[in-house]
Amino acid sequence: MNDADRGIDSESQTSVPATRPFRILVVDDDKDVATSIVRALEVLGHSATTCGHAQEAFETMGRQSFDLLLVDYRMPEMTGLDLVTLLREEGHKIPAIMMTGHFATEDRVRVEQLGISTILRKPITLPVLSQALEEQLAATRAA
């Protein structure tokens, strides 16, 4: 399986790292995609932890702090939106970026209500990921 199949287009690996590295929690039930995204984040100068499902991510958030949540939209048992909803209900205000290969348009209002800043379509290229992180960093600085 090549990197493009795993979720990152490795042909475009010329990006400028963010000014300040993020501690990012990557939540994706596809281990190959998660691993590829973690590698891309590390290339961009960030540190990343991965979880294979939403419940594991929720438990990890209870033990560690992160600057950003990068979460898959469609996962078994609990979707990425369900995870962000649960985190918000528990008082976590962590910024979130949604990753998806299949986004239901009817969920757009819910995404906005949860304050999810960006929806990235899979496969995610390194430049697109870098730009989303830069935009999130700028928004975090402005807040």
Protein backbone atom coordinates (compact mmCIF):
# COMPACT_ATOMS: atom_id res chain seq x y z
CA MET A 1 0.00 0.00 0.00
CA ASN A 2 1.50 3.36 -0.95
CA ASP A 3 1.21 6.61 1.04
CA ALA A 4 -1.57 7.94 -1.20
CA ASP A 5 -3.63 4.84 -0.38
CA ARG A 6 -2.97 5.49 3.31
CA GLY A 7 -4.30 9.03 3.21
CA ILE A 8 -1.28 11.28 2.48
CA ASP A 9 0.03 12.19 -0.96
CA SER A 10 3.79 11.93 -0.43
CA GLU A 11 4.67 13.40 -3.83
CA SER A 12 4.12 16.93 -2.50
CA GLN A 13 6.35 17.03 0.57
CA THR A 14 7.60 20.60 0.33
CA SER A 15 5.88 22.47 3.13
CA VAL A 16 6.99 24.96 5.70
CA PRO A 17 6.49 23.75 9.27
CA ALA A 18 4.15 25.66 11.55
CA THR A 19 5.71 28.31 13.75
CA ARG A 20 4.84 26.45 16.94
CA PRO A 21 4.48 22.68 17.01
CA PHE A 22 1.11 21.26 17.96
CA ARG A 23 0.48 18.23 20.17
CA ILE A 24 -2.12 16.49 18.01
CA LEU A 25 -4.45 13.60 18.74
CA VAL A 26 -5.20 11.70 15.52
CA VAL A 27 -8.30 9.51 15.66
CA ASP A 28 -8.89 7.14 12.74
CA ASP A 29 -10.04 3.53 12.69
CA ASP A 30 -7.84 2.83 9.64
CA LYS A 31 -4.42 2.15 11.16
CA ASP A 32 -2.59 2.74 7.85
CA VAL A 33 -4.23 6.15 7.40
CA ALA A 34 -3.52 7.12 11.01
CA THR A 35 0.12 6.06 10.73
CA SER A 36 0.54 7.98 7.48
CA ILE A 37 -0.99 11.12 8.99
CA VAL A 38 1.20 10.87 12.08
CA ARG A 39 4.29 10.63 9.84
CA ALA A 40 3.14 13.67 7.87
CA LEU A 41 2.53 15.63 11.07
CA GLU A 42 6.01 14.75 12.29
CA VAL A 43 7.48 15.93 8.96
CA LEU A 44 5.66 19.22 9.60
CA GLY A 45 7.29 19.46 13.03
CA HIS A 46 4.37 18.41 15.23
CA SER A 47 4.03 15.60 17.75
CA ALA A 48 1.12 13.22 17.36
CA THR A 49 -0.60 10.45 19.25
CA THR A 50 -3.00 8.09 17.52
CA CYS A 51 -6.18 6.36 18.67
CA GLY A 52 -8.04 3.72 16.68
CA HIS A 53 -11.54 4.62 17.81
CA ALA A 54 -13.52 7.37 19.50
CA GLN A 55 -13.81 5.76 22.94
CA GLU A 56 -10.03 5.32 23.12
CA ALA A 57 -9.61 8.97 22.13
CA PHE A 58 -12.05 10.09 24.82
CA GLU A 59 -10.10 8.14 27.45
CA THR A 60 -6.78 9.49 26.15
CA MET A 61 -8.10 13.06 26.35
CA GLY A 62 -8.83 12.41 30.02
CA ARG A 63 -5.16 11.56 30.67
CA GLN A 64 -3.24 13.90 28.34
CA SER A 65 -3.62 17.37 26.93
CA PHE A 66 -3.49 18.14 23.23
CA ASP A 67 -3.59 21.32 21.18
CA LEU A 68 -5.64 19.89 18.33
CA LEU A 69 -7.90 16.97 17.50
CA LEU A 70 -7.66 15.52 13.98
CA VAL A 71 -10.57 13.10 13.80
CA ASP A 72 -12.08 10.81 11.18
CA TYR A 73 -15.74 11.47 10.47
CA ARG A 74 -16.89 7.89 9.90
CA MET A 75 -15.86 5.27 12.46
CA PRO A 76 -17.67 2.26 13.91
CA GLU A 77 -19.67 2.63 17.12
CA MET A 78 -19.06 6.38 17.55
CA THR A 79 -18.49 8.89 14.75
CA GLY A 80 -16.01 11.72 14.90
CA LEU A 81 -18.92 14.11 15.40
CA ASP A 82 -20.15 12.02 18.32
CA LEU A 83 -16.67 12.16 19.85
CA VAL A 84 -16.42 15.95 19.52
CA THR A 85 -19.95 16.31 20.96
CA LEU A 86 -18.99 14.15 23.96
CA LEU A 87 -15.77 16.11 24.48
CA ARG A 88 -17.69 19.42 24.37
CA GLU A 89 -20.22 18.08 26.89
CA GLU A 90 -17.30 17.19 29.19
CA GLY A 91 -15.90 20.73 28.91
CA HIS A 92 -13.08 20.10 26.42
CA LYS A 93 -12.70 23.08 24.12
CA ILE A 94 -9.98 21.53 21.97
CA PRO A 95 -9.99 22.74 18.37
CA ALA A 96 -10.93 19.99 15.93
CA ILE A 97 -10.34 19.26 12.28
CA MET A 98 -12.53 16.58 10.66
CA MET A 99 -11.10 14.14 8.09
CA THR A 100 -13.43 12.30 5.77
CA GLY A 101 -13.83 10.33 2.62
CA HIS A 102 -17.63 10.41 3.03
CA PHE A 103 -19.22 13.52 4.52
CA ALA A 104 -22.97 13.72 5.00
CA THR A 105 -24.09 17.20 3.98
CA GLU A 106 -26.84 17.14 6.59
CA ASP A 107 -24.15 17.14 9.31
CA ARG A 108 -22.75 20.53 8.23
CA VAL A 109 -24.88 22.43 10.78
CA ARG A 110 -23.74 20.11 13.56
CA VAL A 111 -20.10 20.57 12.49
CA GLU A 112 -20.50 24.35 12.73
CA GLN A 113 -22.26 24.14 16.11
CA LEU A 114 -19.39 22.07 17.49
CA GLY A 115 -16.86 24.63 16.31
CA ILE A 116 -15.04 22.25 13.99
CA SER A 117 -12.79 24.54 12.01
CA THR A 118 -12.04 22.51 8.90
CA ILE A 119 -13.15 19.43 7.00
CA LEU A 120 -10.34 17.72 5.08
CA ARG A 121 -11.30 15.33 2.29
CA LYS A 122 -9.33 12.09 2.08
CA PRO A 123 -6.87 11.39 0.68
CA ILE A 124 -5.19 14.32 2.41
CA THR A 125 -2.09 15.81 0.81
CA LEU A 126 0.77 17.16 2.85
CA PRO A 127 0.31 20.75 1.57
CA VAL A 128 -3.41 20.66 2.43
CA LEU A 129 -2.67 19.30 5.91
CA SER A 130 0.05 21.92 6.42
CA GLN A 131 -2.28 24.74 5.36
CA ALA A 132 -5.06 23.53 7.68
CA LEU A 133 -2.62 23.44 10.60
CA GLU A 134 -1.29 26.92 9.79
CA GLU A 135 -4.85 28.27 9.68
CA GLN A 136 -5.63 26.59 12.99
CA LEU A 137 -2.46 28.01 14.53
CA ALA A 138 -3.42 31.52 13.35
CA ALA A 139 -6.93 31.07 14.78
CA THR A 140 -5.51 29.83 18.08
CA ARG A 141 -3.19 32.84 18.31
CA ALA A 142 -6.10 35.21 17.59
CA ALA A 143 -8.28 33.68 20.30
